[in-house]
Amino acid sequence: MSEKPKPATTNADLSPDLATRMLRLGMVGPRRGVDDVIDRLRTPDGWQWWEGCMSELGEGSAADAATRLVKGRADLAFITSAKELHKSRMAAGNPVPQRLASMAAYYACIAAALVHHKKAITGQSPELLSEALADLAASTPEPWSDLIGKAALTLSKDK
């Protein structure tokens, strides 16, 4: 009897990004929208990009947005309105950079409403939202990381 030939193998290395994507798909299922924001945050200018996204949360600079949302100085009506605006900008027809920036602002608004007003302003599953916020918190700069992390904890305690 003759042996079957073994398939050829290669020693090609996977890039870290490709390996991470493959692991995410295999371990947690399909890619979430927040994963694109996290990937953008992990680029060399990611935190600078985040600050630019946060400056779109009303008039003023990113520091003003941080004061309003992170310190709880924005009322729920403002937060909900900003969330809805950015949700509409996440539509598929908009350019990718605008969709990503709007998604970042969207999650910041959801986190602020949860932490400061104890209100869920989204219909997303609390379990999935908690996971998304926890993952996002691990990649965002302070003071946003603290706010988003607290929001994730708030949802996980409500289970």
Protein backbone atom coordinates (compact mmCIF):
# COMPACT_ATOMS: atom_id res chain seq x y z
CA MET A 1 0.00 0.00 0.00
CA SER A 2 1.19 3.43 -0.82
CA GLU A 3 0.83 6.36 1.55
CA LYS A 4 -1.26 9.37 0.65
CA PRO A 5 0.84 12.46 0.09
CA LYS A 6 0.65 14.99 2.91
CA PRO A 7 -0.68 18.42 2.06
CA ALA A 8 1.94 21.08 1.65
CA THR A 9 2.32 23.38 4.63
CA THR A 10 3.70 26.86 4.83
CA ASN A 11 5.27 28.72 7.68
CA ALA A 12 3.59 32.03 6.90
CA ASP A 13 3.22 34.29 9.90
CA LEU A 14 -0.10 35.94 10.66
CA SER A 15 -0.09 39.62 11.36
CA PRO A 16 -1.19 40.44 14.93
CA ASP A 17 -4.30 42.22 13.59
CA LEU A 18 -5.32 39.24 11.47
CA ALA A 19 -4.71 36.84 14.35
CA THR A 20 -6.82 39.00 16.68
CA ARG A 21 -9.66 39.16 14.15
CA MET A 22 -9.57 35.40 13.66
CA LEU A 23 -9.62 34.76 17.39
CA ARG A 24 -12.52 37.18 17.90
CA LEU A 25 -14.53 35.45 15.21
CA GLY A 26 -13.84 32.01 16.62
CA MET A 27 -14.38 32.91 20.24
CA VAL A 28 -17.10 35.52 20.39
CA GLY A 29 -18.94 35.15 17.12
CA PRO A 30 -19.49 37.81 14.51
CA ARG A 31 -17.68 41.10 14.62
CA ARG A 32 -19.48 43.89 16.47
CA GLY A 33 -19.58 47.50 15.34
CA VAL A 34 -17.75 48.55 18.48
CA ASP A 35 -14.81 46.38 17.38
CA ASP A 36 -14.16 48.83 14.53
CA VAL A 37 -14.03 51.71 17.02
CA ILE A 38 -11.66 49.72 19.25
CA ASP A 39 -9.42 48.93 16.28
CA ARG A 40 -9.33 52.64 15.39
CA LEU A 41 -8.44 53.51 18.98
CA ARG A 42 -5.48 51.12 18.82
CA THR A 43 -3.83 53.02 15.96
CA PRO A 44 -0.97 55.43 16.77
CA ASP A 45 -3.27 58.46 16.73
CA GLY A 46 -6.26 56.63 18.20
CA TRP A 47 -6.66 58.64 21.38
CA GLN A 48 -6.29 61.89 19.44
CA TRP A 49 -8.99 60.64 17.07
CA TRP A 50 -11.25 59.83 20.05
CA GLU A 51 -10.86 63.35 21.44
CA GLY A 52 -11.88 64.73 18.05
CA CYS A 53 -14.98 62.51 18.06
CA MET A 54 -15.91 63.71 21.54
CA SER A 55 -15.62 67.35 20.51
CA GLU A 56 -18.65 66.76 18.28
CA LEU A 57 -20.87 66.16 21.30
CA GLY A 58 -22.14 69.70 21.33
CA GLU A 59 -20.43 73.04 21.12
CA GLY A 60 -16.92 73.43 22.40
CA SER A 61 -13.82 71.31 22.67
CA ALA A 62 -13.35 67.70 23.69
CA ALA A 63 -12.55 68.99 27.17
CA ASP A 64 -15.98 70.64 27.26
CA ALA A 65 -17.62 67.38 26.17
CA ALA A 66 -15.71 65.52 28.87
CA THR A 67 -16.91 67.99 31.47
CA ARG A 68 -20.52 67.67 30.35
CA LEU A 69 -20.70 63.90 29.91
CA VAL A 70 -18.05 62.51 32.22
CA LYS A 71 -18.80 64.77 35.16
CA GLY A 72 -22.55 64.49 34.76
CA ARG A 73 -23.28 68.07 33.72
CA ALA A 74 -25.37 67.13 30.69
CA ASP A 75 -29.05 66.57 31.20
CA LEU A 76 -30.71 63.41 29.95
CA ALA A 77 -32.53 65.24 27.13
CA PHE A 78 -29.22 66.51 25.71
CA ILE A 79 -27.59 63.08 26.00
CA THR A 80 -30.53 61.33 24.37
CA SER A 81 -30.66 63.88 21.55
CA ALA A 82 -26.90 63.55 20.92
CA LYS A 83 -27.19 59.75 20.95
CA GLU A 84 -30.00 59.84 18.38
CA LEU A 85 -28.05 62.25 16.15
CA HIS A 86 -25.00 60.02 16.17
CA LYS A 87 -27.10 56.89 15.71
CA SER A 88 -28.51 58.40 12.51
CA ARG A 89 -24.97 59.21 11.32
CA MET A 90 -23.98 55.55 11.72
CA ALA A 91 -26.13 54.68 8.68
CA ALA A 92 -24.52 52.54 6.01
CA GLY A 93 -24.64 55.27 3.35
CA ASN A 94 -22.31 57.57 5.27
CA PRO A 95 -18.51 57.47 4.86
CA VAL A 96 -16.69 55.05 7.18
CA PRO A 97 -14.82 57.78 9.11
CA GLN A 98 -18.10 59.52 9.94
CA ARG A 99 -19.76 56.25 10.94
CA LEU A 100 -16.88 55.37 13.26
CA ALA A 101 -16.79 58.83 14.86
CA SER A 102 -20.54 58.71 15.37
CA MET A 103 -20.35 55.24 16.89
CA ALA A 104 -17.76 56.49 19.38
CA ALA A 105 -20.04 59.39 20.37
CA TYR A 106 -23.06 57.06 20.50
CA TYR A 107 -21.41 54.78 23.07
CA ALA A 108 -20.16 57.75 25.11
CA CYS A 109 -23.73 59.06 25.33
CA ILE A 110 -25.10 55.66 26.36
CA ALA A 111 -22.44 55.40 29.06
CA ALA A 112 -23.16 58.90 30.42
CA ALA A 113 -26.89 58.21 30.62
CA LEU A 114 -26.30 54.95 32.48
CA VAL A 115 -23.81 56.36 34.96
CA HIS A 116 -25.27 59.78 35.71
CA HIS A 117 -28.98 59.32 35.09
CA LYS A 118 -29.37 55.56 35.69
CA LYS A 119 -31.22 55.32 32.37
CA ALA A 120 -30.75 52.96 29.45
CA ILE A 121 -31.25 55.04 26.31
CA THR A 122 -30.83 52.13 23.93
CA GLY A 123 -32.75 48.97 23.21
CA GLN A 124 -29.58 46.88 23.01
CA SER A 125 -29.38 43.74 25.12
CA PRO A 126 -27.88 44.68 28.52
CA GLU A 127 -25.55 41.66 28.40
CA LEU A 128 -24.18 42.45 24.95
CA LEU A 129 -23.99 46.18 25.70
CA SER A 130 -22.10 45.52 28.93
CA GLU A 131 -19.52 43.44 27.03
CA ALA A 132 -19.18 46.07 24.31
CA LEU A 133 -18.73 48.87 26.85
CA ALA A 134 -16.19 46.87 28.87
CA ASP A 135 -14.14 46.20 25.74
CA LEU A 136 -14.40 49.84 24.68
CA ALA A 137 -13.38 51.08 28.13
CA ALA A 138 -10.16 49.07 27.88
CA SER A 139 -9.13 51.08 24.81
CA THR A 140 -10.31 54.63 25.51
CA PRO A 141 -8.30 57.39 27.19
CA GLU A 142 -9.18 58.80 30.59
CA PRO A 143 -11.57 60.18 31.69
CA TRP A 144 -13.69 58.31 29.14
CA SER A 145 -12.34 54.91 30.11
CA ASP A 146 -13.56 55.36 33.67
CA LEU A 147 -17.03 56.53 32.57
CA ILE A 148 -17.49 53.72 30.05
CA GLY A 149 -16.15 51.13 32.49
CA LYS A 150 -18.62 52.28 35.16
CA ALA A 151 -21.45 51.98 32.65
CA ALA A 152 -20.39 48.40 31.82
CA LEU A 153 -20.33 47.56 35.53
CA THR A 154 -23.75 49.13 36.04
CA LEU A 155 -25.21 46.83 33.40
CA SER A 156 -23.45 43.73 34.69
CA LYS A 157 -24.77 44.36 38.24
CA ASP A 158 -28.33 44.62 36.94
CA LYS A 159 -28.29 41.04 35.57
